Amino acid sequence: MRVKNAVYTRQRKKRIFRLAKGYYASKRNRWRMAVQQVEKSLAYSYSGRRDKKANFRKLWIVRLNAAVREEGISYNNFVSCLKKANIIINRKMLAEVAVKDALVFKNLIQIIKPKL
């Protein structure tokens, strides 16, 4: 008796074509190109989720650097003084405070200025 696998093949192709929806040109409707592009896209999305974390950290550091330079301090002095003063706040929260609430950030800088 011959084994028929059309049902599974159709399911597999539907899944790939569903993932390839919206791709440019024949990458959305030609089987071989769709498979290649979906695999590449999934690899990029995996690495992109890791890159996003580094990009946000860079953004927070840039924001903090700009905020502390207005007060006449460099970023690395600011971070080292925070450690000396035993103030444990992550860069994300520090950047939010610097952008949203400048008064609190200035108070924080006044607290750590004697450590310079």
N, C-alpha and C. Protein backbone atom coordinates (compact mmCIF):
# COMPACT_ATOMS: atom_id res chain seq x y z
N MET A 1 0.84 -1.19 0.00
CA MET A 1 0.00 0.00 0.00
C MET A 1 0.88 1.25 0.00
N ARG A 2 0.50 2.22 -0.77
CA ARG A 2 1.29 3.44 -0.92
C ARG A 2 0.92 4.44 0.17
N VAL A 3 1.94 5.08 0.74
CA VAL A 3 1.71 6.08 1.79
C VAL A 3 1.54 7.44 1.13
N LYS A 4 0.48 8.11 1.49
CA LYS A 4 0.25 9.45 0.95
C LYS A 4 0.54 10.48 2.05
N ASN A 5 1.29 11.50 1.71
CA ASN A 5 1.65 12.50 2.73
C ASN A 5 1.24 13.90 2.31
N ALA A 6 0.26 14.01 1.47
CA ALA A 6 -0.14 15.31 0.95
C ALA A 6 -0.67 16.22 2.05
N VAL A 7 -1.36 15.66 3.04
CA VAL A 7 -1.95 16.47 4.10
C VAL A 7 -0.86 17.17 4.91
N TYR A 8 0.16 16.40 5.29
CA TYR A 8 1.24 16.99 6.08
C TYR A 8 2.02 18.02 5.26
N THR A 9 2.28 17.70 4.00
CA THR A 9 3.03 18.62 3.14
C THR A 9 2.27 19.93 3.00
N ARG A 10 0.96 19.83 2.83
CA ARG A 10 0.15 21.05 2.69
C ARG A 10 0.20 21.88 3.97
N GLN A 11 0.15 21.21 5.12
CA GLN A 11 0.22 21.93 6.40
C GLN A 11 1.55 22.65 6.55
N ARG A 12 2.65 21.95 6.18
CA ARG A 12 3.97 22.52 6.30
C ARG A 12 4.13 23.73 5.38
N LYS A 13 3.65 23.58 4.15
CA LYS A 13 3.76 24.69 3.20
C LYS A 13 2.90 25.87 3.63
N LYS A 14 1.72 25.59 4.16
CA LYS A 14 0.85 26.68 4.61
C LYS A 14 1.52 27.47 5.73
N ARG A 15 2.19 26.74 6.62
CA ARG A 15 2.86 27.41 7.74
C ARG A 15 3.97 28.32 7.23
N ILE A 16 4.76 27.84 6.30
CA ILE A 16 5.87 28.64 5.76
C ILE A 16 5.32 29.84 4.99
N PHE A 17 4.32 29.62 4.14
CA PHE A 17 3.77 30.73 3.36
C PHE A 17 3.07 31.76 4.25
N ARG A 18 2.50 31.30 5.36
CA ARG A 18 1.89 32.23 6.29
C ARG A 18 2.97 33.11 6.94
N LEU A 19 4.12 32.51 7.27
CA LEU A 19 5.22 33.29 7.83
C LEU A 19 5.83 34.22 6.79
N ALA A 20 5.77 33.82 5.51
CA ALA A 20 6.38 34.62 4.44
C ALA A 20 5.44 35.71 3.93
N LYS A 21 4.27 35.83 4.51
CA LYS A 21 3.32 36.83 4.04
C LYS A 21 3.91 38.23 4.23
N GLY A 22 3.82 39.04 3.19
CA GLY A 22 4.32 40.39 3.26
C GLY A 22 5.74 40.56 2.77
N TYR A 23 6.40 39.46 2.40
CA TYR A 23 7.76 39.57 1.88
C TYR A 23 7.73 40.11 0.46
N TYR A 24 8.87 40.61 0.02
CA TYR A 24 9.01 41.27 -1.27
C TYR A 24 9.10 40.25 -2.41
N ALA A 25 8.41 40.54 -3.51
CA ALA A 25 8.51 39.80 -4.78
C ALA A 25 8.19 38.32 -4.59
N SER A 26 9.03 37.46 -5.17
CA SER A 26 8.70 36.03 -5.18
C SER A 26 9.06 35.34 -3.87
N LYS A 27 9.59 36.07 -2.91
CA LYS A 27 9.93 35.46 -1.62
C LYS A 27 8.67 35.09 -0.84
N ARG A 28 7.53 35.58 -1.28
CA ARG A 28 6.30 35.27 -0.55
C ARG A 28 5.51 34.14 -1.19
N ASN A 29 5.79 33.79 -2.47
CA ASN A 29 4.93 32.79 -3.10
C ASN A 29 5.69 31.70 -3.87
N ARG A 30 7.00 31.70 -3.84
CA ARG A 30 7.76 30.59 -4.40
C ARG A 30 8.32 29.77 -3.26
N TRP A 31 8.11 28.47 -3.31
CA TRP A 31 8.40 27.62 -2.16
C TRP A 31 9.85 27.72 -1.70
N ARG A 32 10.81 27.51 -2.61
CA ARG A 32 12.21 27.47 -2.19
C ARG A 32 12.66 28.82 -1.63
N MET A 33 12.30 29.88 -2.30
CA MET A 33 12.70 31.20 -1.84
C MET A 33 12.01 31.57 -0.52
N ALA A 34 10.76 31.14 -0.38
CA ALA A 34 10.03 31.42 0.86
C ALA A 34 10.69 30.70 2.04
N VAL A 35 11.07 29.44 1.84
CA VAL A 35 11.71 28.68 2.91
C VAL A 35 13.02 29.34 3.31
N GLN A 36 13.83 29.72 2.32
CA GLN A 36 15.12 30.34 2.62
C GLN A 36 14.93 31.65 3.38
N GLN A 37 13.99 32.46 2.92
CA GLN A 37 13.80 33.76 3.55
C GLN A 37 13.21 33.65 4.95
N VAL A 38 12.31 32.70 5.15
CA VAL A 38 11.72 32.51 6.49
C VAL A 38 12.80 32.06 7.46
N GLU A 39 13.68 31.15 7.04
CA GLU A 39 14.76 30.71 7.92
C GLU A 39 15.68 31.86 8.27
N LYS A 40 16.03 32.67 7.26
CA LYS A 40 16.89 33.82 7.50
C LYS A 40 16.21 34.82 8.43
N SER A 41 14.93 35.05 8.21
CA SER A 41 14.20 36.01 9.04
C SER A 41 14.11 35.56 10.49
N LEU A 42 13.89 34.26 10.68
CA LEU A 42 13.82 33.75 12.05
C LEU A 42 15.18 33.88 12.75
N ALA A 43 16.26 33.66 11.99
CA ALA A 43 17.59 33.82 12.58
C ALA A 43 17.84 35.28 12.96
N TYR A 44 17.44 36.21 12.07
CA TYR A 44 17.61 37.62 12.37
C TYR A 44 16.76 38.06 13.56
N SER A 45 15.55 37.53 13.65
CA SER A 45 14.69 37.94 14.76
C SER A 45 15.25 37.45 16.09
N TYR A 46 15.88 36.26 16.08
CA TYR A 46 16.49 35.73 17.29
C TYR A 46 17.64 36.63 17.74
N SER A 47 18.53 36.94 16.81
CA SER A 47 19.68 37.78 17.17
C SER A 47 19.23 39.21 17.46
N GLY A 48 18.18 39.66 16.80
CA GLY A 48 17.67 41.01 17.01
C GLY A 48 17.13 41.21 18.42
N ARG A 49 16.54 40.17 18.98
CA ARG A 49 16.03 40.28 20.35
C ARG A 49 17.17 40.47 21.34
N ARG A 50 18.34 39.91 21.02
CA ARG A 50 19.50 40.11 21.89
C ARG A 50 20.15 41.46 21.65
N ASP A 51 20.18 41.88 20.39
CA ASP A 51 20.77 43.18 20.07
C ASP A 51 19.97 44.32 20.67
N LYS A 52 18.66 44.14 20.77
CA LYS A 52 17.79 45.19 21.29
C LYS A 52 18.19 45.58 22.72
N LYS A 53 18.58 44.60 23.50
CA LYS A 53 18.97 44.88 24.88
C LYS A 53 20.21 45.77 24.93
N ALA A 54 21.18 45.47 24.07
CA ALA A 54 22.41 46.28 24.02
C ALA A 54 22.10 47.69 23.51
N ASN A 55 21.21 47.78 22.53
CA ASN A 55 20.88 49.10 21.97
C ASN A 55 20.21 49.99 23.00
N PHE A 56 19.32 49.41 23.80
CA PHE A 56 18.66 50.21 24.83
C PHE A 56 19.66 50.64 25.91
N ARG A 57 20.58 49.77 26.27
CA ARG A 57 21.60 50.16 27.26
C ARG A 57 22.43 51.33 26.74
N LYS A 58 22.80 51.28 25.45
CA LYS A 58 23.55 52.39 24.85
C LYS A 58 22.74 53.68 24.90
N LEU A 59 21.45 53.58 24.61
CA LEU A 59 20.59 54.75 24.64
C LEU A 59 20.53 55.36 26.04
N TRP A 60 20.38 54.52 27.06
CA TRP A 60 20.32 55.03 28.44
C TRP A 60 21.62 55.72 28.81
N ILE A 61 22.75 55.14 28.39
CA ILE A 61 24.04 55.74 28.72
C ILE A 61 24.20 57.09 28.04
N VAL A 62 23.76 57.18 26.77
CA VAL A 62 23.85 58.46 26.06
C VAL A 62 22.99 59.51 26.75
N ARG A 63 21.79 59.13 27.16
CA ARG A 63 20.91 60.09 27.84
C ARG A 63 21.50 60.54 29.16
N LEU A 64 22.04 59.60 29.91
CA LEU A 64 22.65 59.95 31.20
C LEU A 64 23.86 60.85 31.01
N ASN A 65 24.66 60.54 30.01
CA ASN A 65 25.85 61.34 29.75
C ASN A 65 25.45 62.78 29.43
N ALA A 66 24.43 62.94 28.61
CA ALA A 66 23.98 64.29 28.27
C ALA A 66 23.46 65.02 29.50
N ALA A 67 22.72 64.31 30.35
CA ALA A 67 22.14 64.93 31.54
C ALA A 67 23.20 65.34 32.55
N VAL A 68 24.20 64.49 32.77
CA VAL A 68 25.21 64.83 33.78
C VAL A 68 26.21 65.85 33.27
N ARG A 69 26.42 65.91 31.98
CA ARG A 69 27.32 66.93 31.44
C ARG A 69 26.74 68.33 31.60
N GLU A 70 25.42 68.45 31.62
CA GLU A 70 24.80 69.74 31.90
C GLU A 70 25.12 70.20 33.32
N GLU A 71 25.38 69.25 34.20
CA GLU A 71 25.74 69.56 35.58
C GLU A 71 27.25 69.66 35.78
N GLY A 72 28.01 69.47 34.71
CA GLY A 72 29.46 69.62 34.80
C GLY A 72 30.20 68.38 35.27
N ILE A 73 29.61 67.22 35.11
CA ILE A 73 30.24 65.96 35.52
C ILE A 73 30.30 65.06 34.28
N SER A 74 31.30 64.20 34.23
CA SER A 74 31.34 63.22 33.14
C SER A 74 30.57 61.97 33.58
N TYR A 75 30.20 61.17 32.61
CA TYR A 75 29.39 59.97 32.89
C TYR A 75 30.12 59.00 33.80
N ASN A 76 31.41 58.75 33.50
CA ASN A 76 32.11 57.75 34.31
C ASN A 76 32.31 58.23 35.75
N ASN A 77 32.53 59.52 35.96
CA ASN A 77 32.60 60.04 37.33
C ASN A 77 31.26 59.90 38.03
N PHE A 78 30.20 60.15 37.31
CA PHE A 78 28.85 60.03 37.87
C PHE A 78 28.59 58.60 38.36
N VAL A 79 28.90 57.63 37.52
CA VAL A 79 28.64 56.23 37.88
C VAL A 79 29.53 55.79 39.05
N SER A 80 30.80 56.21 39.03
CA SER A 80 31.67 55.82 40.13
C SER A 80 31.23 56.46 41.45
N CYS A 81 30.75 57.71 41.38
CA CYS A 81 30.26 58.37 42.60
C CYS A 81 28.99 57.72 43.12
N LEU A 82 28.15 57.26 42.22
CA LEU A 82 26.95 56.53 42.65
C LEU A 82 27.35 55.27 43.42
N LYS A 83 28.36 54.58 42.94
CA LYS A 83 28.81 53.36 43.62
C LYS A 83 29.41 53.69 44.98
N LYS A 84 30.18 54.79 45.05
CA LYS A 84 30.78 55.18 46.32
C LYS A 84 29.72 55.58 47.33
N ALA A 85 28.64 56.18 46.85
CA ALA A 85 27.56 56.62 47.74
C ALA A 85 26.57 55.51 48.05
N ASN A 86 26.84 54.29 47.55
CA ASN A 86 25.95 53.13 47.74
C ASN A 86 24.54 53.39 47.23
N ILE A 87 24.44 54.09 46.13
CA ILE A 87 23.14 54.31 45.48
C ILE A 87 23.04 53.30 44.35
N ILE A 88 22.11 52.36 44.50
CA ILE A 88 21.98 51.28 43.53
C ILE A 88 20.71 51.51 42.72
N ILE A 89 20.88 52.18 41.58
CA ILE A 89 19.77 52.39 40.64
C ILE A 89 20.31 52.02 39.27
N ASN A 90 19.54 51.25 38.53
CA ASN A 90 20.05 50.84 37.22
C ASN A 90 19.97 51.98 36.21
N ARG A 91 20.67 51.82 35.10
CA ARG A 91 20.78 52.88 34.11
C ARG A 91 19.44 53.23 33.47
N LYS A 92 18.58 52.24 33.36
CA LYS A 92 17.26 52.49 32.78
C LYS A 92 16.48 53.49 33.63
N MET A 93 16.45 53.25 34.92
CA MET A 93 15.70 54.13 35.82
C MET A 93 16.37 55.50 35.92
N LEU A 94 17.70 55.53 35.94
CA LEU A 94 18.40 56.81 35.99
C LEU A 94 18.10 57.65 34.75
N ALA A 95 18.08 57.00 33.59
CA ALA A 95 17.78 57.72 32.35
C ALA A 95 16.35 58.23 32.35
N GLU A 96 15.42 57.44 32.86
CA GLU A 96 14.02 57.88 32.95
C GLU A 96 13.89 59.10 33.87
N VAL A 97 14.56 59.04 35.00
CA VAL A 97 14.51 60.16 35.94
C VAL A 97 15.13 61.40 35.31
N ALA A 98 16.24 61.23 34.60
CA ALA A 98 16.91 62.37 33.97
C ALA A 98 16.03 63.03 32.92
N VAL A 99 15.27 62.24 32.18
CA VAL A 99 14.43 62.78 31.12
C VAL A 99 13.11 63.32 31.68
N LYS A 100 12.47 62.58 32.56
CA LYS A 100 11.12 62.93 33.01
C LYS A 100 11.08 63.91 34.18
N ASP A 101 12.05 63.75 35.12
CA ASP A 101 11.98 64.54 36.35
C ASP A 101 13.36 65.14 36.64
N ALA A 102 13.63 66.29 36.04
CA ALA A 102 14.96 66.91 36.15
C ALA A 102 15.27 67.35 37.57
N LEU A 103 14.26 67.75 38.33
CA LEU A 103 14.48 68.23 39.70
C LEU A 103 15.03 67.11 40.59
N VAL A 104 14.45 65.94 40.50
CA VAL A 104 14.93 64.79 41.28
C VAL A 104 16.34 64.42 40.85
N PHE A 105 16.61 64.50 39.55
CA PHE A 105 17.95 64.16 39.05
C PHE A 105 18.98 65.15 39.58
N LYS A 106 18.63 66.45 39.63
CA LYS A 106 19.55 67.44 40.19
C LYS A 106 19.81 67.18 41.67
N ASN A 107 18.78 66.77 42.40
CA ASN A 107 18.95 66.41 43.82
C ASN A 107 19.89 65.21 43.96
N LEU A 108 19.76 64.26 43.07
CA LEU A 108 20.63 63.09 43.10
C LEU A 108 22.08 63.50 42.85
N ILE A 109 22.28 64.42 41.94
CA ILE A 109 23.64 64.90 41.66
C ILE A 109 24.19 65.67 42.86
N GLN A 110 23.35 66.43 43.54
CA GLN A 110 23.80 67.17 44.73
C GLN A 110 24.21 66.20 45.84
N ILE A 111 23.55 65.05 45.92
CA ILE A 111 23.91 64.04 46.92
C ILE A 111 25.30 63.48 46.63
N ILE A 112 25.61 63.24 45.36
CA ILE A 112 26.88 62.60 45.05
C ILE A 112 28.03 63.58 44.80
N LYS A 113 27.76 64.88 44.71
CA LYS A 113 28.83 65.85 44.44
C LYS A 113 29.95 65.81 45.50
N PRO A 114 29.65 65.64 46.79
CA PRO A 114 30.75 65.57 47.75
C PRO A 114 31.70 64.38 47.51
N LYS A 115 31.21 63.36 46.84
CA LYS A 115 32.05 62.17 46.57
C LYS A 115 33.08 62.45 45.47
N LEU A 116 32.89 63.54 44.71
CA LEU A 116 33.86 63.89 43.67
C LEU A 116 35.10 64.37 44.36
